[in-house]
Amino acid sequence: MDRIDLHVEVTPVGIDEISSIERPKVSSKDIAARVIEARKIQEERFKDFQSIYCNAQMPSRMVREICTLNKPGTILLKKAMERLQLSARAYDRILKVARTAADLAGSAEIKIEHLAEAIQYRSLDREDWAE
């Protein structure tokens, strides 16, 4: 499981939610625009690297250079690694996902909220879901 970047539990949606008149506050068109912008950021970031076009393709060495954290971020990630007993592979994947979350938000730096989002995507690492 530590080879998969995002672990998301999908719960069934009730009929009341499906039939609700309320629509999402963010349209698919808006989300697509954010993704396109994030991909442009990544294309620019990796323009000088052959065969690397997005954050997911970064080797470990590059992750350490590009996915830098401030002190609170470093503390949060260290605590998550210890408490959730995550692997070194999960560490790199969390940083890559956090960098992507920051790109989607248009942020030049990985903020604590981007890191927290990436950590929560490791949910299946800490559950006995496969038993």
C-alpha atoms as a PDB file:
ATOM      1  CA  MET A   1       0.000   0.000   0.000  1.00  0.00           C
ATOM      2  CA  ASP A   2       2.904   2.395   0.535  1.00  0.00           C
ATOM      3  CA  ARG A   3       3.424   2.413  -3.246  1.00  0.00           C
ATOM      4  CA  ILE A   4       0.090   4.167  -3.821  1.00  0.00           C
ATOM      5  CA  ASP A   5       0.092   7.961  -3.389  1.00  0.00           C
ATOM      6  CA  LEU A   6      -3.510   8.570  -2.345  1.00  0.00           C
ATOM      7  CA  HIS A   7      -5.557   6.345  -0.093  1.00  0.00           C
ATOM      8  CA  VAL A   8      -9.130   7.524   0.116  1.00  0.00           C
ATOM      9  CA  GLU A   9     -12.023   5.703   1.724  1.00  0.00           C
ATOM     10  CA  VAL A  10     -15.191   6.260  -0.265  1.00  0.00           C
ATOM     11  CA  THR A  11     -18.388   5.866   1.700  1.00  0.00           C
ATOM     12  CA  PRO A  12     -21.783   5.246   0.099  1.00  0.00           C
ATOM     13  CA  VAL A  13     -23.850   8.335  -0.658  1.00  0.00           C
ATOM     14  CA  GLY A  14     -27.384   8.309   0.693  1.00  0.00           C
ATOM     15  CA  ILE A  15     -30.405   8.826  -1.539  1.00  0.00           C
ATOM     16  CA  ASP A  16     -31.176  12.135   0.197  1.00  0.00           C
ATOM     17  CA  GLU A  17     -27.779  13.487  -0.793  1.00  0.00           C
ATOM     18  CA  ILE A  18     -28.050  12.203  -4.346  1.00  0.00           C
ATOM     19  CA  SER A  19     -31.476  13.712  -4.889  1.00  0.00           C
ATOM     20  CA  SER A  20     -30.655  17.029  -3.217  1.00  0.00           C
ATOM     21  CA  ILE A  21     -31.246  20.131  -5.325  1.00  0.00           C
ATOM     22  CA  GLU A  22     -28.086  21.740  -3.939  1.00  0.00           C
ATOM     23  CA  ARG A  23     -25.185  21.614  -6.335  1.00  0.00           C
ATOM     24  CA  PRO A  24     -21.473  21.636  -5.476  1.00  0.00           C
ATOM     25  CA  LYS A  25     -20.117  25.088  -4.747  1.00  0.00           C
ATOM     26  CA  VAL A  26     -17.117  24.448  -6.994  1.00  0.00           C
ATOM     27  CA  SER A  27     -17.795  23.432 -10.574  1.00  0.00           C
ATOM     28  CA  SER A  28     -15.901  20.778 -12.485  1.00  0.00           C
ATOM     29  CA  LYS A  29     -14.825  23.532 -14.869  1.00  0.00           C
ATOM     30  CA  ASP A  30     -13.215  25.465 -11.990  1.00  0.00           C
ATOM     31  CA  ILE A  31     -11.459  22.340 -10.734  1.00  0.00           C
ATOM     32  CA  ALA A  32     -10.191  21.549 -14.233  1.00  0.00           C
ATOM     33  CA  ALA A  33      -8.770  25.067 -14.517  1.00  0.00           C
ATOM     34  CA  ARG A  34      -6.900  24.635 -11.214  1.00  0.00           C
ATOM     35  CA  VAL A  35      -5.475  21.321 -12.386  1.00  0.00           C
ATOM     36  CA  ILE A  36      -4.325  22.841 -15.676  1.00  0.00           C
ATOM     37  CA  GLU A  37      -2.609  25.688 -13.805  1.00  0.00           C
ATOM     38  CA  ALA A  38      -0.939  23.243 -11.407  1.00  0.00           C
ATOM     39  CA  ARG A  39       0.332  21.179 -14.332  1.00  0.00           C
ATOM     40  CA  LYS A  40       1.774  24.336 -15.920  1.00  0.00           C
ATOM     41  CA  ILE A  41       3.604  25.072 -12.656  1.00  0.00           C
ATOM     42  CA  GLN A  42       5.028  21.562 -12.669  1.00  0.00           C
ATOM     43  CA  GLU A  43       6.008  21.722 -16.342  1.00  0.00           C
ATOM     44  CA  GLU A  44       7.945  24.913 -15.592  1.00  0.00           C
ATOM     45  CA  ARG A  45       9.535  23.372 -12.481  1.00  0.00           C
ATOM     46  CA  PHE A  46      10.824  20.366 -14.423  1.00  0.00           C
ATOM     47  CA  LYS A  47      11.584  22.011 -17.774  1.00  0.00           C
ATOM     48  CA  ASP A  48      15.314  21.320 -17.398  1.00  0.00           C
ATOM     49  CA  PHE A  49      14.871  17.649 -16.462  1.00  0.00           C
ATOM     50  CA  GLN A  50      14.506  14.943 -19.048  1.00  0.00           C
ATOM     51  CA  SER A  51      11.654  12.466 -18.396  1.00  0.00           C
ATOM     52  CA  ILE A  52      10.233  14.382 -15.413  1.00  0.00           C
ATOM     53  CA  TYR A  53       7.029  16.283 -16.070  1.00  0.00           C
ATOM     54  CA  CYS A  54       5.155  16.239 -12.777  1.00  0.00           C
ATOM     55  CA  ASN A  55       5.682  15.921  -9.027  1.00  0.00           C
ATOM     56  CA  ALA A  56       4.868  12.212  -8.959  1.00  0.00           C
ATOM     57  CA  GLN A  57       7.885  11.462 -11.171  1.00  0.00           C
ATOM     58  CA  MET A  58      10.477  13.040  -8.874  1.00  0.00           C
ATOM     59  CA  PRO A  59      13.185  10.712  -7.568  1.00  0.00           C
ATOM     60  CA  SER A  60      13.877  10.789  -3.798  1.00  0.00           C
ATOM     61  CA  ARG A  61      16.914  13.065  -4.146  1.00  0.00           C
ATOM     62  CA  MET A  62      14.849  15.650  -5.992  1.00  0.00           C
ATOM     63  CA  VAL A  63      11.983  15.402  -3.481  1.00  0.00           C
ATOM     64  CA  ARG A  64      14.360  16.607  -0.753  1.00  0.00           C
ATOM     65  CA  GLU A  65      15.398  19.591  -2.889  1.00  0.00           C
ATOM     66  CA  ILE A  66      11.985  20.658  -4.180  1.00  0.00           C
ATOM     67  CA  CYS A  67       9.639  19.703  -1.350  1.00  0.00           C
ATOM     68  CA  THR A  68      11.184  21.707   1.465  1.00  0.00           C
ATOM     69  CA  LEU A  69       9.229  22.268   4.649  1.00  0.00           C
ATOM     70  CA  ASN A  70       9.320  24.992   7.246  1.00  0.00           C
ATOM     71  CA  LYS A  71       9.983  24.058  10.886  1.00  0.00           C
ATOM     72  CA  PRO A  72       6.301  23.470  11.836  1.00  0.00           C
ATOM     73  CA  GLY A  73       5.892  21.329   8.711  1.00  0.00           C
ATOM     74  CA  THR A  74       8.960  19.277   9.570  1.00  0.00           C
ATOM     75  CA  ILE A  75       7.631  18.697  13.094  1.00  0.00           C
ATOM     76  CA  LEU A  76       4.183  17.695  11.791  1.00  0.00           C
ATOM     77  CA  LEU A  77       5.626  15.231   9.295  1.00  0.00           C
ATOM     78  CA  LYS A  78       7.976  13.736  11.881  1.00  0.00           C
ATOM     79  CA  LYS A  79       5.073  13.209  14.311  1.00  0.00           C
ATOM     80  CA  ALA A  80       2.927  11.673  11.573  1.00  0.00           C
ATOM     81  CA  MET A  81       5.716   9.320  10.542  1.00  0.00           C
ATOM     82  CA  GLU A  82       6.194   8.159  14.137  1.00  0.00           C
ATOM     83  CA  ARG A  83       2.533   7.928  15.169  1.00  0.00           C
ATOM     84  CA  LEU A  84       1.323   6.299  11.966  1.00  0.00           C
ATOM     85  CA  GLN A  85       4.449   4.151  11.609  1.00  0.00           C
ATOM     86  CA  LEU A  86       4.856   5.148   7.980  1.00  0.00           C
ATOM     87  CA  SER A  87       7.633   3.909   5.710  1.00  0.00           C
ATOM     88  CA  ALA A  88      10.368   5.903   4.027  1.00  0.00           C
ATOM     89  CA  ARG A  89       8.479   5.423   0.770  1.00  0.00           C
ATOM     90  CA  ALA A  90       5.378   6.976   2.376  1.00  0.00           C
ATOM     91  CA  TYR A  91       7.523   9.937   3.484  1.00  0.00           C
ATOM     92  CA  ASP A  92       8.459  10.751  -0.112  1.00  0.00           C
ATOM     93  CA  ARG A  93       4.916  10.229  -1.325  1.00  0.00           C
ATOM     94  CA  ILE A  94       3.521  12.555   1.331  1.00  0.00           C
ATOM     95  CA  LEU A  95       5.955  15.265   0.263  1.00  0.00           C
ATOM     96  CA  LYS A  96       5.061  14.838  -3.418  1.00  0.00           C
ATOM     97  CA  VAL A  97       1.338  15.021  -2.683  1.00  0.00           C
ATOM     98  CA  ALA A  98       1.861  18.047  -0.424  1.00  0.00           C
ATOM     99  CA  ARG A  99       3.799  19.765  -3.228  1.00  0.00           C
ATOM    100  CA  THR A 100       0.909  19.004  -5.591  1.00  0.00           C
ATOM    101  CA  ALA A 101      -1.639  20.367  -3.090  1.00  0.00           C
ATOM    102  CA  ALA A 102       0.441  23.545  -2.873  1.00  0.00           C
ATOM    103  CA  ASP A 103       0.568  23.762  -6.681  1.00  0.00           C
ATOM    104  CA  LEU A 104      -3.216  23.380  -6.861  1.00  0.00           C
ATOM    105  CA  ALA A 105      -3.547  26.221  -4.353  1.00  0.00           C
ATOM    106  CA  GLY A 106      -1.106  28.354  -6.346  1.00  0.00           C
ATOM    107  CA  SER A 107       1.346  28.418  -3.444  1.00  0.00           C
ATOM    108  CA  ALA A 108       5.089  28.617  -4.024  1.00  0.00           C
ATOM    109  CA  GLU A 109       5.740  26.946  -0.671  1.00  0.00           C
ATOM    110  CA  ILE A 110       4.318  23.864   0.985  1.00  0.00           C
ATOM    111  CA  LYS A 111       2.182  25.171   3.830  1.00  0.00           C
ATOM    112  CA  ILE A 112       1.077  23.232   6.874  1.00  0.00           C
ATOM    113  CA  GLU A 113      -2.408  22.757   5.398  1.00  0.00           C
ATOM    114  CA  HIS A 114      -0.956  21.180   2.240  1.00  0.00           C
ATOM    115  CA  LEU A 115       1.123  18.826   4.330  1.00  0.00           C
ATOM    116  CA  ALA A 116      -1.825  17.919   6.577  1.00  0.00           C
ATOM    117  CA  GLU A 117      -3.925  17.161   3.501  1.00  0.00           C
ATOM    118  CA  ALA A 118      -1.219  14.863   2.124  1.00  0.00           C
ATOM    119  CA  ILE A 119      -0.863  13.064   5.466  1.00  0.00           C
ATOM    120  CA  GLN A 120      -4.577  12.389   5.714  1.00  0.00           C
ATOM    121  CA  TYR A 121      -4.449  10.682   2.314  1.00  0.00           C
ATOM    122  CA  ARG A 122      -2.364   7.943   3.928  1.00  0.00           C
ATOM    123  CA  SER A 123      -5.415   6.684   5.854  1.00  0.00           C
ATOM    124  CA  LEU A 124      -5.239   3.118   4.559  1.00  0.00           C
ATOM    125  CA  ASP A 125      -1.661   2.821   5.812  1.00  0.00           C
ATOM    126  CA  ARG A 126      -2.963   3.015   9.369  1.00  0.00           C
ATOM    127  CA  GLU A 127      -6.101   0.916   9.170  1.00  0.00           C
ATOM    128  CA  ASP A 128      -6.518  -2.847   9.185  1.00  0.00           C
ATOM    129  CA  TRP A 129      -8.572  -2.557   6.010  1.00  0.00           C
ATOM    130  CA  ALA A 130      -7.070  -5.617   4.301  1.00  0.00           C
ATOM    131  CA  GLU A 131      -7.921  -8.141   7.011  1.00  0.00           C
END
